[in-house]
Amino acid sequence: MGEKGKLIKTGIVGSGFSASFHFEAVKKVYGIDIEIVGVYSKTPEKRRSFAEKRGIKSFDSLDELIDNCDVVHVCTPPATHEPIAVAALEKNRYAIVEKPFTGFFGDGSDDFDGRHYPKEKALEGALGSVKRMRDAEEKSKASIMYAENWVYAPPIQKEREIIEKTGAQVLWMHGEEAHSGSHAYEYGFWKFAGGGAMIGKGCHPLTAALYLKRVEGISRNGTPIRPRTVSARIAELTRLDSYIDAGFIRTEYHDIEDFSVMHVTFEDGTIATIFASEIVLGGIHNWIEICANNHRTICNINPNNIMKTYNPKEGNFSDIYVVEKIETKQGWSNPAPDEDWVTGYPAEMQAFYEHVAFGRELDSTSELAGDVVATIYSGYLSAEQGGKEITIRTVA
């Protein structure tokens, strides 16, 4: 736990999309003295450009950055999360780890094809990675903060309040994250991303569902309600021989799925159904619905109708940001006045730095992250077996 009033030095590993929004979110943290000392990434040109634009130092090595920081933001491809987080924890530095938390990233071969690799081995590999990260955390004076913004999104936190104050029993949740395909080249390869839509997108609504059941259990009897089984199916819709490519949906995936559905049962017998896909046009589609014994809540994260605009001509909005992943700015749209706020990034960083500075208890922990990874890779095993129900082996 940090000392009140002490300057917290933080560093960013990575120089891409997530590194950029982490930088902006940290700048919005209030009541805590934070200095962003610098950035490290494996590509010198990108890290120097990132640093110059933001007036911070470009570090030449990961160790040098860690040595100069109290907090390390892990904003790199998922395959690198474990070694970076462990390196930080071994030096008693806090690790803010982006999602997906970790996973299984192949057998080391250049021609690895995740579609045909035995999913029992993939599950064992992913659970092993979670255990190594949590073991390093246990030995460290610092901790892991799982950077799942859905946990801190305003609708999810409002639902947390409802569950806690009304003693609600959540019976069924169903949620989705979808759009027309991720931008990153690496995302199309299992060896970099750890899988496709189920882990890359499904981790978001799944984490929210697992988090809300934890809230319910803790508020009622002091013990989290954790996931017990999962049944799942995946598909490669854009690689079907019958697929007609109209040019709007990303198709160049090497060995990952572009659609998934998970059906999760919890220790108390209640359920959640989670969809994820790369085949939805019209911008990000992020939502979760909670059906409880005393209320029903629909959390619309993206899009939401806080603002609606009609634009008759595409070019009118050429230099206006509307919302992430929208294919056209012509016609009716739902512009996001503050997309970061509604998706939870500022609240997430505020909570993380209050944990570092004041010892505030975390909502988004390594245990929650581990349950997400265990559920998803058990889901891949289920999909390999035609949707068979699989018992989830969570990491203690």
Protein backbone atom coordinates (compact mmCIF):
# COMPACT_ATOMS: atom_id res chain seq x y z
CA MET A 1 0.00 0.00 0.00
CA GLY A 2 1.30 3.42 -0.93
CA GLU A 3 1.62 6.43 1.33
CA LYS A 4 -0.88 9.29 1.06
CA GLY A 5 0.66 12.20 -0.82
CA LYS A 6 3.52 10.18 -2.23
CA LEU A 7 4.35 10.63 -5.92
CA ILE A 8 3.51 7.46 -7.87
CA LYS A 9 5.71 6.85 -10.87
CA THR A 10 4.15 4.86 -13.66
CA GLY A 11 5.34 3.43 -16.99
CA ILE A 12 3.65 2.00 -20.05
CA VAL A 13 4.72 -1.14 -21.90
CA GLY A 14 3.40 -1.00 -25.46
CA SER A 15 2.90 1.85 -27.90
CA GLY A 16 -0.33 1.01 -29.70
CA PHE A 17 -4.07 1.54 -29.25
CA SER A 18 -4.41 0.40 -25.64
CA ALA A 19 -1.23 2.23 -24.57
CA SER A 20 -2.76 5.45 -25.91
CA PHE A 21 -6.01 5.19 -23.98
CA HIS A 22 -4.18 4.08 -20.82
CA PHE A 23 -2.07 7.24 -21.05
CA GLU A 24 -5.17 9.42 -21.41
CA ALA A 25 -7.03 7.63 -18.60
CA VAL A 26 -4.10 8.04 -16.18
CA LYS A 27 -4.03 11.78 -16.90
CA LYS A 28 -7.64 11.98 -15.70
CA VAL A 29 -6.98 10.40 -12.28
CA TYR A 30 -7.69 12.97 -9.56
CA GLY A 31 -6.53 13.32 -5.96
CA ILE A 32 -3.35 11.31 -6.52
CA ASP A 33 0.07 12.60 -7.60
CA ILE A 34 1.13 10.53 -10.63
CA GLU A 35 4.06 10.94 -12.99
CA ILE A 36 4.06 8.98 -16.27
CA VAL A 37 7.82 8.54 -16.58
CA GLY A 38 8.02 6.76 -19.90
CA VAL A 39 7.25 3.96 -22.32
CA TYR A 40 8.90 0.80 -23.59
CA SER A 41 7.94 -1.31 -26.58
CA LYS A 42 9.91 -3.69 -28.75
CA THR A 43 9.83 -1.42 -31.83
CA PRO A 44 12.20 1.56 -31.29
CA GLU A 45 10.56 3.81 -33.87
CA LYS A 46 7.06 3.33 -32.43
CA ARG A 47 8.11 3.82 -28.82
CA ARG A 48 10.12 6.95 -29.66
CA SER A 49 7.18 8.40 -31.59
CA PHE A 50 4.80 7.54 -28.72
CA ALA A 51 7.13 9.17 -26.19
CA GLU A 52 7.82 12.32 -28.22
CA LYS A 53 4.12 13.03 -28.76
CA ARG A 54 3.49 12.83 -25.02
CA GLY A 55 6.65 14.35 -23.59
CA ILE A 56 7.80 11.22 -21.78
CA LYS A 57 10.98 9.11 -21.91
CA SER A 58 11.51 6.27 -24.37
CA PHE A 59 13.18 3.45 -22.44
CA ASP A 60 15.55 1.08 -24.22
CA SER A 61 14.68 -1.98 -22.15
CA LEU A 62 11.81 -3.39 -20.12
CA ASP A 63 14.01 -3.75 -17.04
CA GLU A 64 15.02 -0.09 -17.19
CA LEU A 65 11.39 1.01 -17.32
CA ILE A 66 10.38 -1.30 -14.44
CA ASP A 67 13.29 -0.06 -12.31
CA ASN A 68 12.06 3.53 -12.69
CA CYS A 69 8.38 2.87 -11.91
CA ASP A 70 5.99 1.95 -9.12
CA VAL A 71 3.27 0.84 -11.56
CA VAL A 72 3.63 -0.88 -14.94
CA HIS A 73 0.83 -0.80 -17.54
CA VAL A 74 0.92 -3.97 -19.65
CA CYS A 75 -0.56 -2.79 -22.97
CA THR A 76 0.98 -5.39 -25.29
CA PRO A 77 -0.39 -8.40 -27.21
CA PRO A 78 -1.81 -11.06 -24.86
CA ALA A 79 1.02 -13.51 -25.55
CA THR A 80 3.42 -11.16 -23.74
CA HIS A 81 1.30 -10.36 -20.68
CA GLU A 82 2.65 -13.08 -18.40
CA PRO A 83 6.40 -12.40 -18.70
CA ILE A 84 5.97 -8.63 -18.39
CA ALA A 85 3.64 -8.83 -15.38
CA VAL A 86 5.84 -11.39 -13.64
CA ALA A 87 8.94 -9.25 -14.26
CA ALA A 88 7.19 -6.26 -12.66
CA LEU A 89 5.87 -8.23 -9.69
CA GLU A 90 9.30 -9.76 -8.99
CA LYS A 91 10.56 -6.20 -8.47
CA ASN A 92 7.52 -5.36 -6.30
CA ARG A 93 5.94 -3.18 -8.98
CA TYR A 94 2.18 -3.14 -9.50
CA ALA A 95 1.05 -4.60 -12.82
CA ILE A 96 -2.04 -3.28 -14.63
CA VAL A 97 -2.69 -6.07 -17.15
CA GLU A 98 -4.89 -5.49 -20.19
CA LYS A 99 -7.45 -8.03 -21.34
CA PRO A 100 -7.40 -10.77 -22.41
CA PHE A 101 -5.47 -11.42 -19.18
CA THR A 102 -3.44 -14.34 -20.51
CA GLY A 103 -4.03 -17.61 -22.35
CA PHE A 104 -2.39 -20.28 -24.48
CA PHE A 105 -0.34 -19.03 -27.41
CA GLY A 106 0.79 -22.08 -29.32
CA ASP A 107 3.54 -24.65 -29.14
CA GLY A 108 6.29 -22.37 -30.42
CA SER A 109 6.15 -23.55 -34.03
CA ASP A 110 6.02 -20.95 -36.81
CA ASP A 111 3.16 -22.74 -38.55
CA PHE A 112 1.05 -23.26 -35.42
CA ASP A 113 -2.66 -23.62 -36.23
CA GLY A 114 -4.95 -23.18 -33.25
CA ARG A 115 -7.91 -24.74 -35.02
CA HIS A 116 -6.36 -28.19 -34.90
CA TYR A 117 -4.42 -28.07 -31.62
CA PRO A 118 -5.90 -30.23 -28.80
CA LYS A 119 -7.95 -27.92 -26.61
CA GLU A 120 -7.26 -29.90 -23.44
CA LYS A 121 -3.59 -28.97 -23.86
CA ALA A 122 -4.55 -25.36 -24.61
CA LEU A 123 -6.63 -25.28 -21.41
CA GLU A 124 -3.75 -26.70 -19.37
CA GLY A 125 -1.39 -24.12 -20.88
CA ALA A 126 -3.73 -21.22 -20.12
CA LEU A 127 -4.31 -22.35 -16.53
CA GLY A 128 -0.57 -22.76 -16.08
CA SER A 129 -0.04 -19.18 -17.18
CA VAL A 130 -2.69 -17.91 -14.75
CA LYS A 131 -1.07 -19.86 -11.90
CA ARG A 132 2.39 -18.49 -12.63
CA MET A 133 1.06 -14.95 -12.64
CA ARG A 134 -0.90 -15.41 -9.43
CA ASP A 135 2.04 -17.15 -7.74
CA ALA A 136 4.26 -14.18 -8.63
CA GLU A 137 1.60 -11.86 -7.19
CA GLU A 138 1.44 -13.89 -3.98
CA LYS A 139 5.20 -13.54 -3.49
CA SER A 140 5.25 -9.83 -4.36
CA LYS A 141 4.62 -6.79 -2.19
CA ALA A 142 2.57 -5.44 -5.13
CA SER A 143 -0.48 -6.79 -6.92
CA ILE A 144 -2.11 -7.40 -10.29
CA MET A 145 -4.91 -5.14 -11.47
CA TYR A 146 -6.96 -6.78 -14.23
CA ALA A 147 -7.78 -3.99 -16.70
CA GLU A 148 -11.29 -5.07 -17.67
CA ASN A 149 -13.09 -1.79 -18.21
CA TRP A 150 -16.55 -3.43 -18.26
CA VAL A 151 -16.23 -3.95 -14.50
CA TYR A 152 -15.98 -0.18 -14.03
CA ALA A 153 -18.44 0.90 -16.74
CA PRO A 154 -21.12 3.13 -15.13
CA PRO A 155 -24.05 0.80 -15.99
CA ILE A 156 -22.26 -2.21 -14.46
CA GLN A 157 -21.37 -0.29 -11.30
CA LYS A 158 -24.98 0.92 -10.99
CA GLU A 159 -26.16 -2.68 -11.28
CA ARG A 160 -23.65 -3.62 -8.57
CA GLU A 161 -25.32 -1.07 -6.29
CA ILE A 162 -28.78 -2.47 -7.09
CA ILE A 163 -27.70 -6.04 -6.32
CA GLU A 164 -26.02 -5.06 -3.05
CA LYS A 165 -28.79 -2.80 -1.74
CA THR A 166 -31.77 -4.98 -2.71
CA GLY A 167 -30.32 -8.40 -1.91
CA ALA A 168 -31.10 -9.48 -5.48
CA GLN A 169 -30.58 -12.99 -6.76
CA VAL A 170 -29.32 -12.88 -10.35
CA LEU A 171 -30.98 -15.73 -12.23
CA TRP A 172 -29.85 -15.20 -15.83
CA MET A 173 -27.56 -12.82 -17.62
CA HIS A 174 -27.06 -12.57 -21.35
CA GLY A 175 -24.59 -10.26 -23.02
CA GLU A 176 -22.58 -9.59 -26.13
CA GLU A 177 -19.56 -7.86 -27.55
CA ALA A 178 -19.40 -7.66 -31.32
CA HIS A 179 -18.35 -5.57 -34.30
CA SER A 180 -17.04 -6.01 -37.84
CA GLY A 181 -13.52 -7.17 -36.99
CA SER A 182 -10.53 -6.04 -34.93
CA HIS A 183 -7.93 -3.77 -36.50
CA ALA A 184 -4.75 -5.49 -35.25
CA TYR A 185 -2.96 -7.79 -37.69
CA GLU A 186 -1.83 -10.04 -34.81
CA TYR A 187 -5.44 -10.61 -33.79
CA GLY A 188 -5.89 -13.06 -36.67
CA PHE A 189 -3.32 -15.49 -35.26
CA TRP A 190 -3.93 -17.77 -32.29
CA LYS A 191 -0.21 -17.72 -31.39
CA PHE A 192 -0.46 -13.96 -30.71
CA ALA A 193 -4.06 -13.55 -29.50
CA GLY A 194 -4.74 -16.86 -27.74
CA GLY A 195 -7.89 -17.50 -29.77
CA GLY A 196 -10.52 -15.51 -31.62
CA ALA A 197 -13.87 -13.93 -30.82
CA MET A 198 -14.51 -15.99 -27.70
CA ILE A 199 -11.44 -14.69 -25.88
CA GLY A 200 -10.84 -11.41 -27.73
CA LYS A 201 -14.39 -10.14 -27.37
CA GLY A 202 -16.20 -12.62 -25.16
CA CYS A 203 -13.88 -11.81 -22.26
CA HIS A 204 -15.67 -8.46 -21.79
CA PRO A 205 -19.32 -9.46 -21.17
CA LEU A 206 -18.15 -12.68 -19.51
CA THR A 207 -16.08 -10.72 -16.99
CA ALA A 208 -19.08 -8.48 -16.25
CA ALA A 209 -21.29 -11.53 -15.66
CA LEU A 210 -18.72 -13.24 -13.42
CA TYR A 211 -18.11 -9.99 -11.54
CA LEU A 212 -21.82 -9.42 -10.82
CA LYS A 213 -22.23 -12.96 -9.48
CA ARG A 214 -19.21 -12.38 -7.25
CA VAL A 215 -20.87 -9.19 -6.00
CA GLU A 216 -24.08 -11.08 -5.29
CA GLY A 217 -22.34 -13.83 -3.33
CA ILE A 218 -20.15 -11.49 -1.32
CA SER A 219 -23.02 -9.14 -0.46
CA ARG A 220 -25.24 -11.97 0.73
CA ASN A 221 -22.89 -14.36 2.51
CA GLY A 222 -19.33 -13.07 2.11
CA THR A 223 -18.32 -15.65 -0.50
CA PRO A 224 -18.11 -15.11 -4.28
CA ILE A 225 -20.39 -17.20 -6.49
CA ARG A 226 -18.00 -18.59 -9.11
CA PRO A 227 -18.54 -20.29 -12.50
CA ARG A 228 -19.02 -24.08 -12.43
CA THR A 229 -19.56 -25.33 -15.99
CA VAL A 230 -19.57 -24.05 -19.57
CA SER A 231 -20.98 -25.25 -22.88
CA ALA A 232 -19.79 -23.45 -26.01
CA ARG A 233 -19.85 -23.38 -29.78
CA ILE A 234 -17.65 -21.46 -32.21
CA ALA A 235 -17.82 -20.77 -35.95
CA GLU A 236 -15.68 -19.42 -38.78
CA LEU A 237 -18.45 -17.74 -40.74
CA THR A 238 -16.27 -15.61 -43.02
CA ARG A 239 -14.32 -18.71 -44.10
CA LEU A 240 -17.36 -20.68 -45.20
CA ASP A 241 -17.25 -21.69 -48.85
CA SER A 242 -20.71 -20.13 -49.13
CA TYR A 243 -19.68 -16.77 -47.60
CA ILE A 244 -20.31 -13.78 -49.90
CA ASP A 245 -17.78 -11.04 -49.13
CA ALA A 246 -19.34 -7.60 -49.60
CA GLY A 247 -16.22 -5.86 -48.33
CA PHE A 248 -17.49 -4.58 -44.96
CA ILE A 249 -16.42 -7.34 -42.56
CA ARG A 250 -12.82 -8.33 -41.86
CA THR A 251 -12.05 -11.77 -43.25
CA GLU A 252 -8.26 -12.25 -43.17
CA TYR A 253 -7.99 -14.47 -40.09
CA HIS A 254 -5.36 -17.19 -40.03
CA ASP A 255 -6.66 -19.69 -37.49
CA ILE A 256 -9.27 -18.10 -35.20
CA GLU A 257 -13.05 -18.13 -34.93
CA ASP A 258 -15.21 -15.12 -35.78
CA PHE A 259 -18.26 -16.17 -33.74
CA SER A 260 -18.79 -17.78 -30.33
CA VAL A 261 -21.46 -18.47 -27.75
CA MET A 262 -20.86 -19.61 -24.17
CA HIS A 263 -23.50 -20.90 -21.76
CA VAL A 264 -22.18 -20.71 -18.20
CA THR A 265 -23.67 -22.23 -15.04
CA PHE A 266 -22.66 -20.94 -11.62
CA GLU A 267 -22.14 -22.70 -8.31
CA ASP A 268 -25.70 -21.79 -7.28
CA GLY A 269 -27.23 -23.21 -10.48
CA THR A 270 -27.97 -19.83 -12.10
CA ILE A 271 -26.84 -19.12 -15.66
CA ALA A 272 -25.30 -16.67 -18.13
CA THR A 273 -25.20 -16.71 -21.93
CA ILE A 274 -22.42 -14.80 -23.66
CA PHE A 275 -22.13 -13.99 -27.38
CA ALA A 276 -19.09 -12.62 -29.20
CA SER A 277 -18.46 -12.05 -32.88
CA GLU A 278 -16.66 -10.23 -35.66
CA ILE A 279 -19.63 -10.14 -38.05
CA VAL A 280 -21.81 -7.29 -36.72
CA LEU A 281 -22.00 -4.03 -38.72
CA GLY A 282 -22.92 -0.59 -37.41
CA GLY A 283 -20.27 -0.07 -34.75
CA ILE A 284 -19.50 -1.72 -31.44
CA HIS A 285 -22.39 -3.71 -29.94
CA ASN A 286 -21.69 -4.04 -26.20
CA TRP A 287 -24.49 -4.88 -23.78
CA ILE A 288 -25.52 -7.16 -20.96
CA GLU A 289 -28.98 -7.83 -19.56
CA ILE A 290 -29.52 -8.96 -15.98
CA CYS A 291 -32.67 -10.86 -15.03
CA ALA A 292 -32.93 -11.08 -11.24
CA ASN A 293 -35.63 -12.23 -8.82
CA ASN A 294 -36.57 -8.62 -8.00
CA HIS A 295 -35.54 -6.52 -11.02
CA ARG A 296 -34.36 -6.49 -14.63
CA THR A 297 -31.53 -4.29 -15.93
CA ILE A 298 -30.27 -3.67 -19.46
CA CYS A 299 -26.76 -2.21 -19.60
CA ASN A 300 -26.15 -0.57 -22.98
CA ILE A 301 -22.46 0.26 -23.09
CA ASN A 302 -22.18 0.72 -26.88
CA PRO A 303 -24.20 2.07 -28.53
CA ASN A 304 -26.34 4.14 -26.22
CA ASN A 305 -28.85 6.85 -27.02
CA ILE A 306 -27.42 9.70 -24.94
CA MET A 307 -27.08 11.48 -28.31
CA LYS A 308 -28.53 10.93 -31.79
CA THR A 309 -27.44 12.83 -34.90
CA TYR A 310 -28.62 12.77 -38.51
CA ASN A 311 -25.95 13.59 -41.10
CA PRO A 312 -27.17 13.76 -44.73
CA LYS A 313 -23.68 13.76 -46.28
CA GLU A 314 -20.68 11.59 -45.38
CA GLY A 315 -18.12 14.35 -45.93
CA ASN A 316 -19.75 16.70 -43.45
CA PHE A 317 -18.36 14.62 -40.58
CA SER A 318 -14.94 13.92 -42.12
CA ASP A 319 -13.07 15.30 -39.11
CA ILE A 320 -15.64 14.41 -36.44
CA TYR A 321 -15.29 11.28 -34.30
CA VAL A 322 -18.65 9.55 -33.98
CA VAL A 323 -18.17 6.18 -32.31
CA GLU A 324 -15.70 3.31 -32.54
CA LYS A 325 -16.00 0.92 -35.50
CA ILE A 326 -18.86 2.67 -37.31
CA GLU A 327 -18.67 1.97 -41.06
CA THR A 328 -20.31 5.21 -42.20
CA LYS A 329 -21.05 8.63 -40.70
CA GLN A 330 -23.95 9.28 -43.06
CA GLY A 331 -27.54 8.97 -41.85
CA TRP A 332 -28.57 8.50 -38.23
CA SER A 333 -25.87 7.67 -35.69
CA ASN A 334 -25.29 7.68 -31.93
CA PRO A 335 -22.23 9.89 -31.37
CA ALA A 336 -20.37 9.28 -28.14
CA PRO A 337 -19.80 12.60 -26.31
CA ASP A 338 -17.43 10.80 -23.92
CA GLU A 339 -16.83 7.24 -25.05
CA ASP A 340 -14.09 6.61 -22.50
CA TRP A 341 -16.37 7.53 -19.59
CA VAL A 342 -19.26 5.28 -20.62
CA THR A 343 -16.91 2.34 -21.24
CA GLY A 344 -15.34 2.72 -17.82
CA TYR A 345 -11.73 3.70 -18.51
CA PRO A 346 -11.44 6.75 -16.21
CA ALA A 347 -13.23 4.97 -13.34
CA GLU A 348 -11.01 1.93 -13.85
CA MET A 349 -7.79 3.94 -13.57
CA GLN A 350 -9.12 5.93 -10.63
CA ALA A 351 -9.84 2.70 -8.77
CA PHE A 352 -6.45 1.19 -9.65
CA TYR A 353 -4.47 4.19 -8.45
CA GLU A 354 -6.54 4.45 -5.27
CA HIS A 355 -5.55 0.82 -4.67
CA VAL A 356 -1.87 1.68 -5.14
CA ALA A 357 -1.97 4.94 -3.16
CA PHE A 358 -4.42 4.11 -0.37
CA GLY A 359 -4.88 0.33 -0.38
CA ARG A 360 -8.43 0.47 -1.70
CA GLU A 361 -9.85 -3.03 -2.26
CA LEU A 362 -9.90 -4.09 -5.91
CA ASP A 363 -13.03 -5.09 -7.83
CA SER A 364 -11.09 -6.41 -10.83
CA THR A 365 -8.62 -8.89 -9.35
CA SER A 366 -6.35 -11.62 -10.64
CA GLU A 367 -8.83 -14.17 -9.24
CA LEU A 368 -11.62 -12.73 -11.40
CA ALA A 369 -9.24 -12.66 -14.37
CA GLY A 370 -8.27 -16.28 -13.75
CA ASP A 371 -11.92 -17.36 -13.67
CA VAL A 372 -12.47 -15.64 -17.02
CA VAL A 373 -9.50 -17.43 -18.61
CA ALA A 374 -10.54 -20.79 -17.13
CA THR A 375 -14.11 -20.37 -18.41
CA ILE A 376 -13.06 -19.38 -21.93
CA TYR A 377 -10.53 -22.16 -22.43
CA SER A 378 -12.97 -24.66 -20.98
CA GLY A 379 -15.31 -23.21 -23.60
CA TYR A 380 -12.82 -23.98 -26.35
CA LEU A 381 -12.64 -27.55 -25.07
CA SER A 382 -16.44 -27.72 -25.08
CA ALA A 383 -16.63 -26.40 -28.64
CA GLU A 384 -14.07 -29.01 -29.77
CA GLN A 385 -16.43 -31.65 -28.33
CA GLY A 386 -19.53 -30.31 -30.06
CA GLY A 387 -20.83 -28.24 -27.15
CA LYS A 388 -20.38 -30.79 -24.35
CA GLU A 389 -20.72 -29.33 -20.85
CA ILE A 390 -17.27 -28.93 -19.28
CA THR A 391 -16.54 -28.48 -15.58
CA ILE A 392 -14.43 -25.34 -15.10
CA ARG A 393 -11.14 -25.86 -13.25
CA THR A 394 -10.56 -22.49 -11.60
CA VAL A 395 -7.14 -21.56 -10.28
CA ALA A 396 -6.98 -21.27 -6.48
